[in-house]
């Protein structure tokens, strides 16, 4: 079976669209800002970060757990 690789930026775009359609404006705007100005997003334990984390996971992404309660999702990598 052949592995399929998807750009994390594409996953983030799908997550942004999902958040926007669910009227989670604050979360969508934070994700969009990070996509435009950076190469990753740092997700903590707040409500907005939780919504972004769930949307990324529902679209097939896997944020990597970092120091303490922080997870990172890098836009310039791929997910298999």
N, C-alpha and C. Protein backbone atom coordinates (compact mmCIF):
# COMPACT_ATOMS: atom_id res chain seq x y z
N UNK A 1 0.85 -1.18 0.00
CA UNK A 1 0.00 0.00 0.00
C UNK A 1 0.89 1.24 0.00
N UNK A 2 0.51 2.19 -0.77
CA UNK A 2 1.30 3.41 -0.93
C UNK A 2 0.93 4.44 0.13
N UNK A 3 1.95 5.07 0.71
CA UNK A 3 1.71 6.11 1.71
C UNK A 3 1.36 7.42 1.02
N UNK A 4 0.44 8.12 1.59
CA UNK A 4 0.04 9.43 1.07
C UNK A 4 0.56 10.48 2.04
N UNK A 5 1.25 11.48 1.50
CA UNK A 5 1.75 12.58 2.32
C UNK A 5 0.96 13.83 1.99
N UNK A 6 0.54 14.53 3.02
CA UNK A 6 -0.23 15.76 2.87
C UNK A 6 0.53 16.88 3.58
N UNK A 7 0.61 18.01 2.95
CA UNK A 7 1.28 19.17 3.54
C UNK A 7 0.52 19.62 4.79
N UNK A 8 1.26 19.91 5.84
CA UNK A 8 0.62 20.42 7.06
C UNK A 8 -0.07 21.76 6.82
N UNK A 9 0.44 22.54 5.88
CA UNK A 9 -0.21 23.81 5.53
C UNK A 9 -1.61 23.53 4.96
N UNK A 10 -1.74 22.48 4.14
CA UNK A 10 -3.04 22.11 3.58
C UNK A 10 -3.99 21.65 4.68
N UNK A 11 -3.47 20.90 5.64
CA UNK A 11 -4.28 20.47 6.78
C UNK A 11 -4.74 21.69 7.58
N UNK A 12 -3.84 22.65 7.78
CA UNK A 12 -4.19 23.87 8.52
C UNK A 12 -5.26 24.66 7.77
N UNK A 13 -5.18 24.70 6.44
CA UNK A 13 -6.22 25.38 5.66
C UNK A 13 -7.58 24.70 5.82
N UNK A 14 -7.58 23.38 5.83
CA UNK A 14 -8.84 22.64 6.04
C UNK A 14 -9.37 22.91 7.45
N UNK A 15 -8.48 22.96 8.44
CA UNK A 15 -8.89 23.25 9.81
C UNK A 15 -9.45 24.66 9.92
N UNK A 16 -8.81 25.62 9.24
CA UNK A 16 -9.31 27.00 9.22
C UNK A 16 -10.72 27.05 8.64
N UNK A 17 -10.93 26.36 7.53
CA UNK A 17 -12.25 26.34 6.89
C UNK A 17 -13.29 25.72 7.82
N UNK A 18 -12.91 24.65 8.51
CA UNK A 18 -13.83 23.99 9.45
C UNK A 18 -14.21 24.94 10.59
N UNK A 19 -13.21 25.63 11.16
CA UNK A 19 -13.47 26.57 12.25
C UNK A 19 -14.37 27.72 11.79
N UNK A 20 -14.10 28.21 10.59
CA UNK A 20 -14.89 29.32 10.04
C UNK A 20 -16.35 28.89 9.84
N UNK A 21 -16.56 27.69 9.32
CA UNK A 21 -17.92 27.19 9.09
C UNK A 21 -18.66 26.94 10.40
N UNK A 22 -17.92 26.62 11.46
CA UNK A 22 -18.53 26.38 12.78
C UNK A 22 -18.68 27.68 13.58
N UNK A 23 -18.42 28.83 12.95
CA UNK A 23 -18.52 30.15 13.59
C UNK A 23 -17.61 30.29 14.81
N UNK A 24 -16.45 29.67 14.76
CA UNK A 24 -15.45 29.82 15.82
C UNK A 24 -14.43 30.83 15.32
N UNK A 25 -14.88 32.09 15.25
CA UNK A 25 -14.14 33.16 14.61
C UNK A 25 -12.79 33.42 15.26
N UNK A 26 -12.75 33.50 16.59
CA UNK A 26 -11.49 33.79 17.28
C UNK A 26 -10.43 32.72 16.98
N UNK A 27 -10.85 31.47 16.99
CA UNK A 27 -9.92 30.38 16.71
C UNK A 27 -9.45 30.43 15.26
N UNK A 28 -10.37 30.69 14.34
CA UNK A 28 -10.01 30.77 12.92
C UNK A 28 -9.04 31.91 12.67
N UNK A 29 -9.27 33.05 13.31
CA UNK A 29 -8.39 34.20 13.12
C UNK A 29 -6.99 33.95 13.69
N UNK A 30 -6.91 33.29 14.84
CA UNK A 30 -5.60 32.99 15.42
C UNK A 30 -4.83 32.03 14.51
N UNK A 31 -5.50 31.02 14.00
CA UNK A 31 -4.85 30.07 13.10
C UNK A 31 -4.39 30.78 11.82
N UNK A 32 -5.23 31.63 11.27
CA UNK A 32 -4.88 32.36 10.04
C UNK A 32 -3.68 33.27 10.27
N UNK A 33 -3.64 33.97 11.40
CA UNK A 33 -2.52 34.86 11.71
C UNK A 33 -1.22 34.07 11.78
N UNK A 34 -1.25 32.93 12.44
CA UNK A 34 -0.04 32.11 12.55
C UNK A 34 0.39 31.55 11.20
N UNK A 35 -0.58 31.22 10.35
CA UNK A 35 -0.24 30.70 9.02
C UNK A 35 0.39 31.78 8.16
N UNK A 36 -0.06 33.01 8.31
CA UNK A 36 0.47 34.11 7.49
C UNK A 36 1.82 34.62 7.97
N UNK A 37 2.04 34.61 9.28
CA UNK A 37 3.23 35.25 9.84
C UNK A 37 4.28 34.28 10.38
N UNK A 38 4.00 33.01 10.42
CA UNK A 38 4.97 32.09 11.01
C UNK A 38 5.01 30.75 10.30
N UNK A 39 5.83 29.87 10.84
CA UNK A 39 5.95 28.53 10.27
C UNK A 39 5.33 27.47 11.16
N UNK A 40 4.78 27.90 12.31
CA UNK A 40 4.14 26.94 13.21
C UNK A 40 3.15 27.67 14.11
N UNK A 41 2.36 26.87 14.83
CA UNK A 41 1.44 27.43 15.82
C UNK A 41 1.69 26.69 17.13
N UNK A 42 1.72 27.43 18.21
CA UNK A 42 1.90 26.89 19.54
C UNK A 42 0.53 26.83 20.20
N UNK A 43 0.14 25.64 20.64
CA UNK A 43 -1.19 25.44 21.22
C UNK A 43 -1.07 25.12 22.70
N UNK A 44 -1.75 25.91 23.52
CA UNK A 44 -1.73 25.71 24.97
C UNK A 44 -2.99 25.01 25.44
N UNK A 45 -3.51 25.42 26.61
CA UNK A 45 -4.66 24.74 27.19
C UNK A 45 -5.91 25.60 27.22
N UNK A 46 -5.91 26.74 26.54
CA UNK A 46 -7.09 27.59 26.52
C UNK A 46 -8.15 27.09 25.55
N UNK A 47 -9.34 27.68 25.62
CA UNK A 47 -10.45 27.27 24.76
C UNK A 47 -10.14 27.45 23.28
N UNK A 48 -9.56 28.58 22.92
CA UNK A 48 -9.24 28.84 21.51
C UNK A 48 -8.21 27.83 21.01
N UNK A 49 -7.17 27.61 21.79
CA UNK A 49 -6.14 26.64 21.40
C UNK A 49 -6.72 25.23 21.30
N UNK A 50 -7.63 24.90 22.21
CA UNK A 50 -8.26 23.58 22.19
C UNK A 50 -9.08 23.40 20.92
N UNK A 51 -9.83 24.42 20.51
CA UNK A 51 -10.63 24.34 19.29
C UNK A 51 -9.74 24.17 18.06
N UNK A 52 -8.61 24.88 18.02
CA UNK A 52 -7.68 24.75 16.89
C UNK A 52 -7.08 23.35 16.87
N UNK A 53 -6.67 22.86 18.02
CA UNK A 53 -6.08 21.53 18.13
C UNK A 53 -7.06 20.47 17.63
N UNK A 54 -8.31 20.55 18.07
CA UNK A 54 -9.33 19.57 17.65
C UNK A 54 -9.59 19.65 16.15
N UNK A 55 -9.66 20.86 15.60
CA UNK A 55 -9.90 21.02 14.17
C UNK A 55 -8.75 20.43 13.36
N UNK A 56 -7.51 20.67 13.79
CA UNK A 56 -6.35 20.11 13.09
C UNK A 56 -6.39 18.58 13.15
N UNK A 57 -6.71 18.02 14.31
CA UNK A 57 -6.79 16.57 14.44
C UNK A 57 -7.91 15.99 13.58
N UNK A 58 -9.05 16.66 13.52
CA UNK A 58 -10.17 16.17 12.72
C UNK A 58 -9.86 16.21 11.23
N UNK A 59 -8.91 17.05 10.83
CA UNK A 59 -8.51 17.15 9.42
C UNK A 59 -7.30 16.27 9.11
N UNK A 60 -6.85 15.49 10.08
CA UNK A 60 -5.77 14.54 9.84
C UNK A 60 -4.41 14.94 10.36
N UNK A 61 -4.30 16.10 10.96
CA UNK A 61 -3.02 16.56 11.49
C UNK A 61 -2.76 16.03 12.89
N UNK A 62 -1.49 16.04 13.27
CA UNK A 62 -1.10 15.56 14.60
C UNK A 62 -0.16 16.58 15.22
N UNK A 63 -0.69 17.52 16.04
CA UNK A 63 0.20 18.46 16.73
C UNK A 63 1.13 17.70 17.67
N UNK A 64 2.39 18.07 17.68
CA UNK A 64 3.39 17.39 18.51
C UNK A 64 3.46 18.04 19.89
N UNK A 65 3.41 17.20 20.92
CA UNK A 65 3.47 17.69 22.28
C UNK A 65 4.88 18.18 22.58
N UNK A 66 4.94 19.36 23.18
CA UNK A 66 6.23 19.95 23.52
C UNK A 66 6.40 20.03 25.02
N UNK A 67 6.99 21.11 25.48
CA UNK A 67 7.28 21.34 26.88
C UNK A 67 6.00 21.63 27.65
N UNK A 68 5.81 20.97 28.76
CA UNK A 68 4.64 21.11 29.63
C UNK A 68 3.36 20.81 28.88
N UNK A 69 2.43 21.78 28.82
CA UNK A 69 1.12 21.55 28.21
C UNK A 69 1.03 22.16 26.82
N UNK A 70 2.14 22.34 26.15
CA UNK A 70 2.15 23.00 24.86
C UNK A 70 2.32 21.97 23.74
N UNK A 71 1.57 22.17 22.66
CA UNK A 71 1.72 21.35 21.45
C UNK A 71 2.06 22.28 20.30
N UNK A 72 2.81 21.78 19.34
CA UNK A 72 3.21 22.58 18.18
C UNK A 72 2.77 21.89 16.91
N UNK A 73 2.34 22.69 15.95
CA UNK A 73 2.00 22.18 14.63
C UNK A 73 2.77 23.02 13.62
N UNK A 74 3.71 22.38 12.91
CA UNK A 74 4.58 23.08 11.96
C UNK A 74 3.96 23.02 10.56
N UNK A 75 3.79 24.18 9.95
CA UNK A 75 3.14 24.27 8.65
C UNK A 75 4.03 23.81 7.50
N UNK A 76 5.35 23.81 7.69
CA UNK A 76 6.26 23.48 6.60
C UNK A 76 6.67 22.01 6.58
N UNK A 77 5.95 21.16 7.29
CA UNK A 77 6.22 19.72 7.30
C UNK A 77 5.07 18.97 6.63
N UNK A 78 5.22 17.66 6.54
CA UNK A 78 4.19 16.81 5.93
C UNK A 78 3.67 15.82 6.95
N UNK A 79 2.45 15.35 6.73
CA UNK A 79 1.84 14.31 7.56
C UNK A 79 1.56 13.12 6.66
N UNK A 80 1.86 11.94 7.15
CA UNK A 80 1.62 10.72 6.37
C UNK A 80 0.28 10.13 6.71
